[in-house]
């Protein structure tokens, strides 16, 4: 049985978050937590929260054993983009995109 957790509209670029999520895909839950705790980025802190939530959903809702869990699916999708103006040279107005992400993590038993 698969349990999952989703964090929507997280204020981090999907490209930066995918660098971290690629490290934990397919790993055991314990190993994935160790990787995220020791990886010092904003993305790792956000992904760790989602991973802990998915594990808690598996244990509490689906009655799965936490020691047998592994990350079966981990992906970062692009969320809505907040478009902000930035003043440019020679009187032009440029655009600064503030990107958001949807983080989806699914865990299941081996």
PDB file of N, CA and C in Angstrom:
ATOM      1  N   UNK A   1       0.845  -1.183   0.000  1.00  0.00           N
ATOM      2  CA  UNK A   1       0.000   0.000   0.000  1.00  0.00           C
ATOM      3  C   UNK A   1       0.891   1.247   0.000  1.00  0.00           C
ATOM      4  N   UNK A   2       0.532   2.206  -0.790  1.00  0.00           N
ATOM      5  CA  UNK A   2       1.309   3.425  -0.910  1.00  0.00           C
ATOM      6  C   UNK A   2       0.670   4.557  -0.127  1.00  0.00           C
ATOM      7  N   UNK A   3       1.493   5.290   0.586  1.00  0.00           N
ATOM      8  CA  UNK A   3       1.043   6.494   1.277  1.00  0.00           C
ATOM      9  C   UNK A   3       1.852   7.658   0.735  1.00  0.00           C
ATOM     10  N   UNK A   4       1.236   8.822   0.679  1.00  0.00           N
ATOM     11  CA  UNK A   4       1.928   9.955   0.082  1.00  0.00           C
ATOM     12  C   UNK A   4       1.626  11.232   0.841  1.00  0.00           C
ATOM     13  N   UNK A   5       2.434  12.244   0.544  1.00  0.00           N
ATOM     14  CA  UNK A   5       2.235  13.589   1.075  1.00  0.00           C
ATOM     15  C   UNK A   5       2.617  14.576  -0.013  1.00  0.00           C
ATOM     16  N   UNK A   6       1.887  15.688  -0.061  1.00  0.00           N
ATOM     17  CA  UNK A   6       2.111  16.715  -1.078  1.00  0.00           C
ATOM     18  C   UNK A   6       2.244  18.074  -0.387  1.00  0.00           C
ATOM     19  N   UNK A   7       3.249  18.823  -0.790  1.00  0.00           N
ATOM     20  CA  UNK A   7       3.373  20.220  -0.371  1.00  0.00           C
ATOM     21  C   UNK A   7       3.202  21.066  -1.618  1.00  0.00           C
ATOM     22  N   UNK A   8       2.164  21.870  -1.649  1.00  0.00           N
ATOM     23  CA  UNK A   8       1.874  22.660  -2.841  1.00  0.00           C
ATOM     24  C   UNK A   8       2.306  24.106  -2.659  1.00  0.00           C
ATOM     25  N   UNK A   9       2.682  24.705  -3.758  1.00  0.00           N
ATOM     26  CA  UNK A   9       3.078  26.110  -3.850  1.00  0.00           C
ATOM     27  C   UNK A   9       4.180  26.471  -2.859  1.00  0.00           C
ATOM     28  N   UNK A  10       5.194  25.606  -2.813  1.00  0.00           N
ATOM     29  CA  UNK A  10       6.354  25.865  -1.968  1.00  0.00           C
ATOM     30  C   UNK A  10       7.240  26.868  -2.690  1.00  0.00           C
ATOM     31  N   UNK A  11       7.726  27.858  -1.986  1.00  0.00           N
ATOM     32  CA  UNK A  11       8.434  28.980  -2.603  1.00  0.00           C
ATOM     33  C   UNK A  11       9.902  28.644  -2.850  1.00  0.00           C
ATOM     34  N   UNK A  12      10.125  27.700  -3.758  1.00  0.00           N
ATOM     35  CA  UNK A  12      11.473  27.360  -4.197  1.00  0.00           C
ATOM     36  C   UNK A  12      11.387  26.942  -5.659  1.00  0.00           C
ATOM     37  N   UNK A  13      12.433  27.217  -6.400  1.00  0.00           N
ATOM     38  CA  UNK A  13      12.451  26.867  -7.814  1.00  0.00           C
ATOM     39  C   UNK A  13      12.453  25.345  -7.986  1.00  0.00           C
ATOM     40  N   UNK A  14      11.680  24.818  -8.934  1.00  0.00           N
ATOM     41  CA  UNK A  14      11.658  23.364  -9.134  1.00  0.00           C
ATOM     42  C   UNK A  14      13.014  22.789  -9.541  1.00  0.00           C
ATOM     43  N   UNK A  15      13.811  23.568 -10.247  1.00  0.00           N
ATOM     44  CA  UNK A  15      15.124  23.080 -10.669  1.00  0.00           C
ATOM     45  C   UNK A  15      16.018  22.844  -9.456  1.00  0.00           C
ATOM     46  N   UNK A  16      15.978  23.748  -8.480  1.00  0.00           N
ATOM     47  CA  UNK A  16      16.797  23.597  -7.278  1.00  0.00           C
ATOM     48  C   UNK A  16      16.299  22.441  -6.422  1.00  0.00           C
ATOM     49  N   UNK A  17      14.979  22.262  -6.353  1.00  0.00           N
ATOM     50  CA  UNK A  17      14.427  21.192  -5.529  1.00  0.00           C
ATOM     51  C   UNK A  17      14.670  19.823  -6.159  1.00  0.00           C
ATOM     52  N   UNK A  18      14.691  19.752  -7.483  1.00  0.00           N
ATOM     53  CA  UNK A  18      14.918  18.455  -8.158  1.00  0.00           C
ATOM     54  C   UNK A  18      16.333  17.930  -7.925  1.00  0.00           C
ATOM     55  N   UNK A  19      17.291  18.827  -7.735  1.00  0.00           N
ATOM     56  CA  UNK A  19      18.646  18.396  -7.438  1.00  0.00           C
ATOM     57  C   UNK A  19      18.702  17.584  -6.150  1.00  0.00           C
ATOM     58  N   UNK A  20      17.903  17.972  -5.172  1.00  0.00           N
ATOM     59  CA  UNK A  20      17.901  17.290  -3.881  1.00  0.00           C
ATOM     60  C   UNK A  20      17.020  16.047  -3.926  1.00  0.00           C
ATOM     61  N   UNK A  21      15.870  16.139  -4.585  1.00  0.00           N
ATOM     62  CA  UNK A  21      14.936  15.012  -4.564  1.00  0.00           C
ATOM     63  C   UNK A  21      15.479  13.825  -5.340  1.00  0.00           C
ATOM     64  N   UNK A  22      16.381  14.077  -6.304  1.00  0.00           N
ATOM     65  CA  UNK A  22      17.001  12.974  -7.032  1.00  0.00           C
ATOM     66  C   UNK A  22      17.891  12.120  -6.128  1.00  0.00           C
ATOM     67  N   UNK A  23      18.381  12.692  -5.023  1.00  0.00           N
ATOM     68  CA  UNK A  23      19.252  11.960  -4.115  1.00  0.00           C
ATOM     69  C   UNK A  23      18.513  10.904  -3.300  1.00  0.00           C
ATOM     70  N   UNK A  24      17.200  11.099  -3.053  1.00  0.00           N
ATOM     71  CA  UNK A  24      16.490  10.195  -2.142  1.00  0.00           C
ATOM     72  C   UNK A  24      15.548   9.234  -2.855  1.00  0.00           C
ATOM     73  N   UNK A  25      15.365   9.389  -4.150  1.00  0.00           N
ATOM     74  CA  UNK A  25      14.419   8.536  -4.874  1.00  0.00           C
ATOM     75  C   UNK A  25      14.871   7.082  -4.822  1.00  0.00           C
ATOM     76  N   UNK A  26      13.991   6.189  -4.334  1.00  0.00           N
ATOM     77  CA  UNK A  26      14.282   4.761  -4.265  1.00  0.00           C
ATOM     78  C   UNK A  26      15.021   4.319  -3.020  1.00  0.00           C
ATOM     79  N   UNK A  27      15.385   5.231  -2.139  1.00  0.00           N
ATOM     80  CA  UNK A  27      16.153   4.894  -0.948  1.00  0.00           C
ATOM     81  C   UNK A  27      15.218   4.442   0.190  1.00  0.00           C
ATOM     82  N   UNK A  28      15.806   3.757   1.164  1.00  0.00           N
ATOM     83  CA  UNK A  28      15.082   3.420   2.389  1.00  0.00           C
ATOM     84  C   UNK A  28      14.765   4.711   3.146  1.00  0.00           C
ATOM     85  N   UNK A  29      13.716   4.664   3.961  1.00  0.00           N
ATOM     86  CA  UNK A  29      13.274   5.862   4.680  1.00  0.00           C
ATOM     87  C   UNK A  29      14.363   6.389   5.599  1.00  0.00           C
ATOM     88  N   UNK A  30      15.027   5.487   6.305  1.00  0.00           N
ATOM     89  CA  UNK A  30      16.078   5.892   7.237  1.00  0.00           C
ATOM     90  C   UNK A  30      17.232   6.558   6.497  1.00  0.00           C
ATOM     91  N   UNK A  31      17.641   5.982   5.361  1.00  0.00           N
ATOM     92  CA  UNK A  31      18.748   6.551   4.584  1.00  0.00           C
ATOM     93  C   UNK A  31      18.376   7.900   3.982  1.00  0.00           C
ATOM     94  N   UNK A  32      17.135   8.028   3.524  1.00  0.00           N
ATOM     95  CA  UNK A  32      16.678   9.290   2.944  1.00  0.00           C
ATOM     96  C   UNK A  32      16.674  10.402   3.988  1.00  0.00           C
ATOM     97  N   UNK A  33      16.265  10.070   5.207  1.00  0.00           N
ATOM     98  CA  UNK A  33      16.274  11.085   6.277  1.00  0.00           C
ATOM     99  C   UNK A  33      17.696  11.536   6.592  1.00  0.00           C
ATOM    100  N   UNK A  34      18.633  10.597   6.633  1.00  0.00           N
ATOM    101  CA  UNK A  34      20.031  10.946   6.925  1.00  0.00           C
ATOM    102  C   UNK A  34      20.591  11.863   5.837  1.00  0.00           C
ATOM    103  N   UNK A  35      20.284  11.551   4.584  1.00  0.00           N
ATOM    104  CA  UNK A  35      20.765  12.380   3.473  1.00  0.00           C
ATOM    105  C   UNK A  35      20.217  13.798   3.592  1.00  0.00           C
ATOM    106  N   UNK A  36      18.913  13.920   3.867  1.00  0.00           N
ATOM    107  CA  UNK A  36      18.294  15.245   3.908  1.00  0.00           C
ATOM    108  C   UNK A  36      18.740  16.063   5.114  1.00  0.00           C
ATOM    109  N   UNK A  37      18.973  15.406   6.245  1.00  0.00           N
ATOM    110  CA  UNK A  37      19.417  16.133   7.434  1.00  0.00           C
ATOM    111  C   UNK A  37      20.827  16.692   7.221  1.00  0.00           C
ATOM    112  N   UNK A  38      21.679  15.942   6.552  1.00  0.00           N
ATOM    113  CA  UNK A  38      23.064  16.365   6.363  1.00  0.00           C
ATOM    114  C   UNK A  38      23.274  17.236   5.140  1.00  0.00           C
ATOM    115  N   UNK A  39      22.291  17.359   4.274  1.00  0.00           N
ATOM    116  CA  UNK A  39      22.401  18.185   3.078  1.00  0.00           C
ATOM    117  C   UNK A  39      21.872  19.567   3.421  1.00  0.00           C
ATOM    118  N   UNK A  40      22.735  20.563   3.409  1.00  0.00           N
ATOM    119  CA  UNK A  40      22.395  21.870   3.963  1.00  0.00           C
ATOM    120  C   UNK A  40      21.859  22.818   2.892  1.00  0.00           C
ATOM    121  N   UNK A  41      20.582  22.622   2.492  1.00  0.00           N
ATOM    122  CA  UNK A  41      19.945  23.541   1.562  1.00  0.00           C
ATOM    123  C   UNK A  41      18.514  23.800   2.029  1.00  0.00           C
ATOM    124  N   UNK A  42      17.925  24.834   1.469  1.00  0.00           N
ATOM    125  CA  UNK A  42      16.528  25.131   1.765  1.00  0.00           C
ATOM    126  C   UNK A  42      15.630  24.006   1.260  1.00  0.00           C
ATOM    127  N   UNK A  43      15.966  23.459   0.086  1.00  0.00           N
ATOM    128  CA  UNK A  43      15.163  22.392  -0.502  1.00  0.00           C
ATOM    129  C   UNK A  43      15.161  21.150   0.378  1.00  0.00           C
ATOM    130  N   UNK A  44      16.295  20.819   0.977  1.00  0.00           N
ATOM    131  CA  UNK A  44      16.355  19.617   1.800  1.00  0.00           C
ATOM    132  C   UNK A  44      15.477  19.741   3.047  1.00  0.00           C
ATOM    133  N   UNK A  45      15.384  20.937   3.600  1.00  0.00           N
ATOM    134  CA  UNK A  45      14.520  21.137   4.769  1.00  0.00           C
ATOM    135  C   UNK A  45      13.043  20.978   4.389  1.00  0.00           C
ATOM    136  N   UNK A  46      12.668  21.518   3.240  1.00  0.00           N
ATOM    137  CA  UNK A  46      11.286  21.403   2.792  1.00  0.00           C
ATOM    138  C   UNK A  46      10.930  19.962   2.424  1.00  0.00           C
ATOM    139  N   UNK A  47      11.835  19.272   1.756  1.00  0.00           N
ATOM    140  CA  UNK A  47      11.587  17.894   1.346  1.00  0.00           C
ATOM    141  C   UNK A  47      11.544  16.973   2.557  1.00  0.00           C
ATOM    142  N   UNK A  48      12.360  17.262   3.579  1.00  0.00           N
ATOM    143  CA  UNK A  48      12.335  16.457   4.803  1.00  0.00           C
ATOM    144  C   UNK A  48      10.980  16.541   5.499  1.00  0.00           C
ATOM    145  N   UNK A  49      10.374  17.722   5.506  1.00  0.00           N
ATOM    146  CA  UNK A  49       9.045  17.875   6.110  1.00  0.00           C
ATOM    147  C   UNK A  49       8.008  17.035   5.383  1.00  0.00           C
ATOM    148  N   UNK A  50       8.086  17.025   4.033  1.00  0.00           N
ATOM    149  CA  UNK A  50       7.132  16.246   3.247  1.00  0.00           C
ATOM    150  C   UNK A  50       7.381  14.754   3.445  1.00  0.00           C
ATOM    151  N   UNK A  51       8.654  14.348   3.513  1.00  0.00           N
ATOM    152  CA  UNK A  51       8.990  12.941   3.727  1.00  0.00           C
ATOM    153  C   UNK A  51       8.496  12.453   5.085  1.00  0.00           C
ATOM    154  N   UNK A  52       8.688  13.259   6.123  1.00  0.00           N
ATOM    155  CA  UNK A  52       8.198  12.885   7.450  1.00  0.00           C
ATOM    156  C   UNK A  52       6.676  12.797   7.476  1.00  0.00           C
ATOM    157  N   UNK A  53       6.010  13.668   6.751  1.00  0.00           N
ATOM    158  CA  UNK A  53       4.555  13.629   6.677  1.00  0.00           C
ATOM    159  C   UNK A  53       4.070  12.374   5.962  1.00  0.00           C
ATOM    160  N   UNK A  54       4.740  11.996   4.888  1.00  0.00           N
ATOM    161  CA  UNK A  54       4.365  10.779   4.161  1.00  0.00           C
ATOM    162  C   UNK A  54       4.578   9.541   5.021  1.00  0.00           C
ATOM    163  N   UNK A  55       5.678   9.522   5.786  1.00  0.00           N
ATOM    164  CA  UNK A  55       5.942   8.394   6.680  1.00  0.00           C
ATOM    165  C   UNK A  55       4.903   8.325   7.795  1.00  0.00           C
ATOM    166  N   UNK A  56       4.518   9.473   8.328  1.00  0.00           N
ATOM    167  CA  UNK A  56       3.499   9.501   9.373  1.00  0.00           C
ATOM    168  C   UNK A  56       2.145   9.046   8.840  1.00  0.00           C
ATOM    169  N   UNK A  57       1.834   9.417   7.601  1.00  0.00           N
ATOM    170  CA  UNK A  57       0.593   8.950   6.982  1.00  0.00           C
ATOM    171  C   UNK A  57       0.602   7.432   6.826  1.00  0.00           C
ATOM    172  N   UNK A  58       1.748   6.870   6.457  1.00  0.00           N
ATOM    173  CA  UNK A  58       1.845   5.421   6.276  1.00  0.00           C
ATOM    174  C   UNK A  58       1.682   4.685   7.594  1.00  0.00           C
ATOM    175  N   UNK A  59       2.293   5.217   8.644  1.00  0.00           N
ATOM    176  CA  UNK A  59       2.245   4.546   9.942  1.00  0.00           C
ATOM    177  C   UNK A  59       0.878   4.698  10.589  1.00  0.00           C
ATOM    178  N   UNK A  60       0.334   5.898  10.587  1.00  0.00           N
ATOM    179  CA  UNK A  60      -0.909   6.157  11.319  1.00  0.00           C
ATOM    180  C   UNK A  60      -2.163   5.769  10.551  1.00  0.00           C
ATOM    181  N   UNK A  61      -2.207   6.047   9.264  1.00  0.00           N
ATOM    182  CA  UNK A  61      -3.426   5.791   8.500  1.00  0.00           C
ATOM    183  C   UNK A  61      -3.479   4.384   7.917  1.00  0.00           C
ATOM    184  N   UNK A  62      -2.332   3.882   7.428  1.00  0.00           N
ATOM    185  CA  UNK A  62      -2.321   2.596   6.739  1.00  0.00           C
ATOM    186  C   UNK A  62      -1.716   1.469   7.556  1.00  0.00           C
ATOM    187  N   UNK A  63      -1.287   1.763   8.789  1.00  0.00           N
ATOM    188  CA  UNK A  63      -0.743   0.758   9.714  1.00  0.00           C
ATOM    189  C   UNK A  63       0.436  -0.006   9.112  1.00  0.00           C
ATOM    190  N   UNK A  64       1.366   0.718   8.486  1.00  0.00           N
ATOM    191  CA  UNK A  64       2.552   0.093   7.920  1.00  0.00           C
ATOM    192  C   UNK A  64       3.705   0.183   8.905  1.00  0.00           C
ATOM    193  N   UNK A  65       4.677  -0.702   8.753  1.00  0.00           N
ATOM    194  CA  UNK A  65       5.849  -0.725   9.612  1.00  0.00           C
ATOM    195  C   UNK A  65       6.867   0.297   9.103  1.00  0.00           C
ATOM    196  N   UNK A  66       7.281   1.197   9.982  1.00  0.00           N
ATOM    197  CA  UNK A  66       8.163   2.291   9.564  1.00  0.00           C
ATOM    198  C   UNK A  66       9.553   1.794   9.164  1.00  0.00           C
ATOM    199  N   UNK A  67       9.998   0.689   9.712  1.00  0.00           N
ATOM    200  CA  UNK A  67      11.336   0.191   9.390  1.00  0.00           C
ATOM    201  C   UNK A  67      11.396  -0.421   7.988  1.00  0.00           C
ATOM    202  N   UNK A  68      10.258  -0.778   7.407  1.00  0.00           N
ATOM    203  CA  UNK A  68      10.231  -1.397   6.078  1.00  0.00           C
ATOM    204  C   UNK A  68       9.909  -0.405   4.963  1.00  0.00           C
ATOM    205  N   UNK A  69       9.730   0.873   5.291  1.00  0.00           N
ATOM    206  CA  UNK A  69       9.313   1.854   4.289  1.00  0.00           C
ATOM    207  C   UNK A  69      10.489   2.303   3.418  1.00  0.00           C
ATOM    208  N   UNK A  70      10.185   2.595   2.159  1.00  0.00           N
ATOM    209  CA  UNK A  70      11.152   3.188   1.252  1.00  0.00           C
ATOM    210  C   UNK A  70      10.439   4.221   0.389  1.00  0.00           C
ATOM    211  N   UNK A  71      11.202   5.101  -0.226  1.00  0.00           N
ATOM    212  CA  UNK A  71      10.654   6.173  -1.060  1.00  0.00           C
ATOM    213  C   UNK A  71      10.355   5.584  -2.432  1.00  0.00           C
ATOM    214  N   UNK A  72       9.086   5.325  -2.694  1.00  0.00           N
ATOM    215  CA  UNK A  72       8.723   4.693  -3.962  1.00  0.00           C
ATOM    216  C   UNK A  72       8.564   5.716  -5.083  1.00  0.00           C
ATOM    217  N   UNK A  73       8.146   6.925  -4.734  1.00  0.00           N
ATOM    218  CA  UNK A  73       8.000   7.982  -5.738  1.00  0.00           C
ATOM    219  C   UNK A  73       8.377   9.308  -5.105  1.00  0.00           C
ATOM    220  N   UNK A  74       9.171  10.075  -5.814  1.00  0.00           N
ATOM    221  CA  UNK A  74       9.554  11.406  -5.337  1.00  0.00           C
ATOM    222  C   UNK A  74       9.690  12.298  -6.559  1.00  0.00           C
ATOM    223  N   UNK A  75       8.875  13.336  -6.608  1.00  0.00           N
ATOM    224  CA  UNK A  75       8.949  14.227  -7.761  1.00  0.00           C
ATOM    225  C   UNK A  75       8.653  15.659  -7.337  1.00  0.00           C
ATOM    226  N   UNK A  76       9.142  16.578  -8.158  1.00  0.00           N
ATOM    227  CA  UNK A  76       8.895  18.004  -7.951  1.00  0.00           C
ATOM    228  C   UNK A  76       8.287  18.535  -9.236  1.00  0.00           C
ATOM    229  N   UNK A  77       7.069  19.034  -9.149  1.00  0.00           N
ATOM    230  CA  UNK A  77       6.390  19.624 -10.292  1.00  0.00           C
ATOM    231  C   UNK A  77       6.423  21.140 -10.171  1.00  0.00           C
ATOM    232  N   UNK A  78       6.328  21.801 -11.291  1.00  0.00           N
ATOM    233  CA  UNK A  78       6.315  23.263 -11.289  1.00  0.00           C
ATOM    234  C   UNK A  78       4.958  23.767 -10.836  1.00  0.00           C
ATOM    235  N   UNK A  79       4.971  24.756  -9.963  1.00  0.00           N
ATOM    236  CA  UNK A  79       3.746  25.381  -9.503  1.00  0.00           C
ATOM    237  C   UNK A  79       3.525  26.688 -10.238  1.00  0.00           C
ATOM    238  N   UNK A  80       2.614  27.501  -9.744  1.00  0.00           N
ATOM    239  CA  UNK A  80       2.377  28.792 -10.383  1.00  0.00           C
ATOM    240  C   UNK A  80       3.584  29.719 -10.253  1.00  0.00           C
ATOM    241  N   UNK A  81       3.734  30.593 -11.222  1.00  0.00           N
ATOM    242  CA  UNK A  81       4.857  31.517 -11.244  1.00  0.00           C
ATOM    243  C   UNK A  81       4.348  32.909 -10.897  1.00  0.00           C
ATOM    244  N   UNK A  82       4.974  33.523  -9.900  1.00  0.00           N
ATOM    245  CA  UNK A  82       4.632  34.903  -9.547  1.00  0.00           C
ATOM    246  C   UNK A  82       5.515  35.820 -10.380  1.00  0.00           C
ATOM    247  N   UNK A  83       4.902  36.660 -11.180  1.00  0.00           N
ATOM    248  CA  UNK A  83       5.656  37.533 -12.067  1.00  0.00           C
ATOM    249  C   UNK A  83       5.812  38.901 -11.410  1.00  0.00           C
ATOM    250  N   UNK A  84       7.045  39.327 -11.234  1.00  0.00           N
ATOM    251  CA  UNK A  84       7.345  40.598 -10.600  1.00  0.00           C
ATOM    252  C   UNK A  84       8.124  41.469 -11.583  1.00  0.00           C
ATOM    253  N   UNK A  85       7.946  42.771 -11.496  1.00  0.00           N
ATOM    254  CA  UNK A  85       8.688  43.652 -12.395  1.00  0.00           C
ATOM    255  C   UNK A  85      10.015  44.022 -11.756  1.00  0.00           C
ATOM    256  N   UNK A  86      10.986  44.283 -12.621  1.00  0.00           N
ATOM    257  CA  UNK A  86      12.297  44.703 -12.183  1.00  0.00           C
ATOM    258  C   UNK A  86      12.739  45.794 -13.151  1.00  0.00           C
ATOM    259  N   UNK A  87      13.112  46.933 -12.630  1.00  0.00           N
ATOM    260  CA  UNK A  87      13.491  48.034 -13.496  1.00  0.00           C
ATOM    261  C   UNK A  87      14.813  47.730 -14.184  1.00  0.00           C
ATOM    262  N   UNK A  88      14.822  47.968 -15.477  1.00  0.00           N
ATOM    263  CA  UNK A  88      15.951  47.611 -16.317  1.00  0.00           C
ATOM    264  C   UNK A  88      16.623  48.886 -16.812  1.00  0.00           C
ATOM    265  N   UNK A  89      17.636  48.712 -17.592  1.00  0.00           N
ATOM    266  CA  UNK A  89      18.377  49.873 -18.071  1.00  0.00           C
ATOM    267  C   UNK A  89      17.593  50.610 -19.170  1.00  0.00           C
ATOM    268  N   UNK A  90      17.902  51.857 -19.368  1.00  0.00           N
ATOM    269  CA  UNK A  90      17.334  52.726 -20.400  1.00  0.00           C
ATOM    270  C   UNK A  90      15.815  52.844 -20.299  1.00  0.00           C
ATOM    271  N   UNK A  91      15.277  52.777 -19.089  1.00  0.00           N
ATOM    272  CA  UNK A  91      13.849  52.998 -18.897  1.00  0.00           C
ATOM    273  C   UNK A  91      12.975  51.793 -19.172  1.00  0.00           C
ATOM    274  N   UNK A  92      13.561  50.655 -19.462  1.00  0.00           N
ATOM    275  CA  UNK A  92      12.761  49.462 -19.721  1.00  0.00           C
ATOM    276  C   UNK A  92      12.333  48.800 -18.411  1.00  0.00           C
ATOM    277  N   UNK A  93      11.335  47.976 -18.544  1.00  0.00           N
ATOM    278  CA  UNK A  93      10.876  47.201 -17.387  1.00  0.00           C
ATOM    279  C   UNK A  93      11.122  45.738 -17.703  1.00  0.00           C
ATOM    280  N   UNK A  94      11.921  45.079 -16.885  1.00  0.00           N
ATOM    281  CA  UNK A  94      12.167  43.658 -17.048  1.00  0.00           C
ATOM    282  C   UNK A  94      11.217  42.852 -16.177  1.00  0.00           C
ATOM    283  N   UNK A  95      11.343  41.543 -16.228  1.00  0.00           N
ATOM    284  CA  UNK A  95      10.477  40.682 -15.430  1.00  0.00           C
ATOM    285  C   UNK A  95      11.324  39.729 -14.603  1.00  0.00           C
ATOM    286  N   UNK A  96      10.959  39.567 -13.365  1.00  0.00           N
ATOM    287  CA  UNK A  96      11.639  38.646 -12.466  1.00  0.00           C
ATOM    288  C   UNK A  96      10.606  37.611 -12.055  1.00  0.00           C
ATOM    289  N   UNK A  97      10.796  36.366 -12.487  1.00  0.00           N
ATOM    290  CA  UNK A  97       9.838  35.306 -12.167  1.00  0.00           C
ATOM    291  C   UNK A  97      10.195  34.673 -10.838  1.00  0.00           C
ATOM    292  N   UNK A  98       9.210  34.604  -9.949  1.00  0.00           N
ATOM    293  CA  UNK A  98       9.374  33.927  -8.660  1.00  0.00           C
ATOM    294  C   UNK A  98       8.673  32.582  -8.789  1.00  0.00           C
ATOM    295  N   UNK A  99       9.447  31.527  -8.932  1.00  0.00           N
ATOM    296  CA  UNK A  99       8.879  30.205  -9.214  1.00  0.00           C
ATOM    297  C   UNK A  99       8.505  29.470  -7.938  1.00  0.00           C
ATOM    298  N   UNK A 100       7.463  28.633  -8.049  1.00  0.00           N
ATOM    299  CA  UNK A 100       7.034  27.800  -6.932  1.00  0.00           C
ATOM    300  C   UNK A 100       7.026  26.339  -7.377  1.00  0.00           C
ATOM    301  N   UNK A 101       6.915  25.443  -6.406  1.00  0.00           N
ATOM    302  CA  UNK A 101       6.994  24.016  -6.677  1.00  0.00           C
ATOM    303  C   UNK A 101       5.893  23.266  -5.945  1.00  0.00           C
ATOM    304  N   UNK A 102       5.551  22.100  -6.477  1.00  0.00           N
ATOM    305  CA  UNK A 102       4.707  21.123  -5.793  1.00  0.00           C
ATOM    306  C   UNK A 102       5.590  19.911  -5.538  1.00  0.00           C
ATOM    307  N   UNK A 103       5.790  19.560  -4.256  1.00  0.00           N
ATOM    308  CA  UNK A 103       6.644  18.436  -3.888  1.00  0.00           C
ATOM    309  C   UNK A 103       5.741  17.250  -3.547  1.00  0.00           C
ATOM    310  N   UNK A 104       5.934  16.121  -4.233  1.00  0.00           N
ATOM    311  CA  UNK A 104       5.129  14.914  -4.024  1.00  0.00           C
ATOM    312  C   UNK A 104       6.073  13.781  -3.639  1.00  0.00           C
ATOM    313  N   UNK A 105       5.829  13.175  -2.469  1.00  0.00           N
ATOM    314  CA  UNK A 105       6.633  12.035  -2.013  1.00  0.00           C
ATOM    315  C   UNK A 105       5.687  10.916  -1.623  1.00  0.00           C
ATOM    316  N   UNK A 106       5.974   9.725  -2.133  1.00  0.00           N
ATOM    317  CA  UNK A 106       5.166   8.555  -1.851  1.00  0.00           C
ATOM    318  C   UNK A 106       6.070   7.479  -1.247  1.00  0.00           C
ATOM    319  N   UNK A 107       5.616   6.841  -0.164  1.00  0.00           N
ATOM    320  CA  UNK A 107       6.373   5.777   0.477  1.00  0.00           C
ATOM    321  C   UNK A 107       5.531   4.504   0.495  1.00  0.00           C
ATOM    322  N   UNK A 108       6.200   3.370   0.432  1.00  0.00           N
ATOM    323  CA  UNK A 108       5.506   2.084   0.542  1.00  0.00           C
ATOM    324  C   UNK A 108       6.438   1.063   1.171  1.00  0.00           C
ATOM    325  N   UNK A 109       5.876  -0.089   1.528  1.00  0.00           N
ATOM    326  CA  UNK A 109       6.653  -1.136   2.190  1.00  0.00           C
ATOM    327  C   UNK A 109       7.349  -2.009   1.165  1.00  0.00           C
ATOM    328  N   UNK A 110       8.521  -2.493   1.547  1.00  0.00           N
ATOM    329  CA  UNK A 110       9.232  -3.475   0.703  1.00  0.00           C
ATOM    330  C   UNK A 110       8.732  -4.856   1.031  1.00  0.00           C
TER     331      UNK A 110
END
